[in-house]
Amino acid sequence: MKTKLLAISLLLFTSQVFSEEVKIIKEYKKWDHGTSATNYKVMCIDNYKYLYSYGVHDYRDIEIDESTIQMFEERDGKSLPVRCN
């Protein structure tokens, strides 16, 4: 009985944790030496901008070097996260 309650409560809480809104604003692709590409995506997650980049091998379609960076700007001498419009 306790395991069923635990499973139900975990399902309820995890559905709320992963419910953020993700929107892709721009996408870029840069080919390196004809065999691999570096892809860039500017995304809005919870109304803040992030730069997501990853490399892909052309013939294997394998993702390599994945990175997500939050974008910041300087306003009034302070470093603040960039909001989506």
C-alpha atoms as a PDB file:
ATOM      1  CA  MET A   1       0.000   0.000   0.000  1.00  0.00           C
ATOM      2  CA  LYS A   2       2.820   2.397   0.881  1.00  0.00           C
ATOM      3  CA  THR A   3       4.591   1.711  -2.420  1.00  0.00           C
ATOM      4  CA  LYS A   4       1.418   2.496  -4.382  1.00  0.00           C
ATOM      5  CA  LEU A   5       0.995   5.807  -2.537  1.00  0.00           C
ATOM      6  CA  LEU A   6       4.650   6.634  -3.127  1.00  0.00           C
ATOM      7  CA  ALA A   7       4.352   5.853  -6.844  1.00  0.00           C
ATOM      8  CA  ILE A   8       1.211   7.981  -7.221  1.00  0.00           C
ATOM      9  CA  SER A   9       2.729  10.934  -5.357  1.00  0.00           C
ATOM     10  CA  LEU A  10       5.916  10.732  -7.454  1.00  0.00           C
ATOM     11  CA  LEU A  11       3.891  10.803 -10.663  1.00  0.00           C
ATOM     12  CA  LEU A  12       1.961  13.849  -9.495  1.00  0.00           C
ATOM     13  CA  PHE A  13       5.085  15.782  -8.484  1.00  0.00           C
ATOM     14  CA  THR A  14       7.225  14.905 -11.502  1.00  0.00           C
ATOM     15  CA  SER A  15       4.544  16.041 -13.934  1.00  0.00           C
ATOM     16  CA  GLN A  16       4.718  19.500 -12.350  1.00  0.00           C
ATOM     17  CA  VAL A  17       8.519  19.644 -12.382  1.00  0.00           C
ATOM     18  CA  PHE A  18       8.847  18.986 -16.114  1.00  0.00           C
ATOM     19  CA  SER A  19       5.990  21.208 -17.255  1.00  0.00           C
ATOM     20  CA  GLU A  20       8.044  24.299 -18.199  1.00  0.00           C
ATOM     21  CA  GLU A  21       7.440  25.893 -21.572  1.00  0.00           C
ATOM     22  CA  VAL A  22      10.252  25.518 -24.115  1.00  0.00           C
ATOM     23  CA  LYS A  23      10.185  27.481 -27.373  1.00  0.00           C
ATOM     24  CA  ILE A  24      12.883  27.529 -30.069  1.00  0.00           C
ATOM     25  CA  ILE A  25      13.462  31.068 -31.382  1.00  0.00           C
ATOM     26  CA  LYS A  26      16.328  30.591 -33.891  1.00  0.00           C
ATOM     27  CA  GLU A  27      18.379  27.714 -35.276  1.00  0.00           C
ATOM     28  CA  TYR A  28      21.812  27.832 -36.923  1.00  0.00           C
ATOM     29  CA  LYS A  29      23.939  25.099 -38.493  1.00  0.00           C
ATOM     30  CA  LYS A  30      27.655  25.389 -39.265  1.00  0.00           C
ATOM     31  CA  TRP A  31      29.367  22.624 -41.260  1.00  0.00           C
ATOM     32  CA  ASP A  32      32.918  21.704 -40.230  1.00  0.00           C
ATOM     33  CA  HIS A  33      35.083  20.002 -42.888  1.00  0.00           C
ATOM     34  CA  GLY A  34      32.048  18.449 -44.605  1.00  0.00           C
ATOM     35  CA  THR A  35      31.690  15.513 -42.177  1.00  0.00           C
ATOM     36  CA  SER A  36      30.234  17.104 -39.063  1.00  0.00           C
ATOM     37  CA  ALA A  37      28.081  20.067 -38.140  1.00  0.00           C
ATOM     38  CA  THR A  38      27.700  22.284 -35.113  1.00  0.00           C
ATOM     39  CA  ASN A  39      24.084  23.228 -34.422  1.00  0.00           C
ATOM     40  CA  TYR A  40      23.005  26.236 -32.371  1.00  0.00           C
ATOM     41  CA  LYS A  41      19.521  26.911 -31.019  1.00  0.00           C
ATOM     42  CA  VAL A  42      18.355  29.994 -29.138  1.00  0.00           C
ATOM     43  CA  MET A  43      15.575  28.774 -26.850  1.00  0.00           C
ATOM     44  CA  CYS A  44      13.170  30.291 -24.349  1.00  0.00           C
ATOM     45  CA  ILE A  45      12.744  28.227 -21.193  1.00  0.00           C
ATOM     46  CA  ASP A  46      10.441  29.686 -18.537  1.00  0.00           C
ATOM     47  CA  ASN A  47      10.696  33.090 -20.269  1.00  0.00           C
ATOM     48  CA  TYR A  48      14.537  33.216 -20.178  1.00  0.00           C
ATOM     49  CA  LYS A  49      16.897  32.827 -23.175  1.00  0.00           C
ATOM     50  CA  TYR A  50      19.380  29.963 -23.460  1.00  0.00           C
ATOM     51  CA  LEU A  51      21.904  29.012 -26.142  1.00  0.00           C
ATOM     52  CA  TYR A  52      21.943  25.261 -26.826  1.00  0.00           C
ATOM     53  CA  SER A  53      24.747  23.904 -28.993  1.00  0.00           C
ATOM     54  CA  TYR A  54      25.688  20.407 -30.081  1.00  0.00           C
ATOM     55  CA  GLY A  55      27.816  18.744 -32.721  1.00  0.00           C
ATOM     56  CA  VAL A  56      26.544  16.028 -35.070  1.00  0.00           C
ATOM     57  CA  HIS A  57      28.550  13.584 -37.178  1.00  0.00           C
ATOM     58  CA  ASP A  58      27.061  13.519 -40.669  1.00  0.00           C
ATOM     59  CA  TYR A  59      27.348   9.826 -41.468  1.00  0.00           C
ATOM     60  CA  ARG A  60      26.487   8.452 -37.998  1.00  0.00           C
ATOM     61  CA  ASP A  61      23.999  11.087 -36.799  1.00  0.00           C
ATOM     62  CA  ILE A  62      25.598  10.975 -33.335  1.00  0.00           C
ATOM     63  CA  GLU A  63      25.368  14.000 -31.034  1.00  0.00           C
ATOM     64  CA  ILE A  64      28.653  15.117 -29.490  1.00  0.00           C
ATOM     65  CA  ASP A  65      29.769  18.081 -27.363  1.00  0.00           C
ATOM     66  CA  GLU A  66      26.374  19.105 -26.012  1.00  0.00           C
ATOM     67  CA  SER A  67      26.171  22.413 -24.094  1.00  0.00           C
ATOM     68  CA  THR A  68      23.451  24.707 -22.694  1.00  0.00           C
ATOM     69  CA  ILE A  69      24.301  28.259 -21.599  1.00  0.00           C
ATOM     70  CA  GLN A  70      21.967  30.864 -20.119  1.00  0.00           C
ATOM     71  CA  MET A  71      22.238  34.230 -21.863  1.00  0.00           C
ATOM     72  CA  PHE A  72      23.027  37.337 -19.798  1.00  0.00           C
ATOM     73  CA  GLU A  73      23.156  41.067 -20.537  1.00  0.00           C
ATOM     74  CA  GLU A  74      24.524  44.074 -18.697  1.00  0.00           C
ATOM     75  CA  ARG A  75      21.948  46.571 -17.430  1.00  0.00           C
ATOM     76  CA  ASP A  76      22.890  49.472 -15.155  1.00  0.00           C
ATOM     77  CA  GLY A  77      26.236  47.841 -14.371  1.00  0.00           C
ATOM     78  CA  LYS A  78      24.599  44.558 -13.348  1.00  0.00           C
ATOM     79  CA  SER A  79      24.693  41.164 -15.067  1.00  0.00           C
ATOM     80  CA  LEU A  80      21.091  40.017 -15.497  1.00  0.00           C
ATOM     81  CA  PRO A  81      19.546  37.066 -17.389  1.00  0.00           C
ATOM     82  CA  VAL A  82      17.986  37.911 -20.763  1.00  0.00           C
ATOM     83  CA  ARG A  83      14.197  37.571 -20.858  1.00  0.00           C
ATOM     84  CA  CYS A  84      12.279  36.461 -23.932  1.00  0.00           C
ATOM     85  CA  ASN A  85      10.003  38.989 -25.579  1.00  0.00           C
END
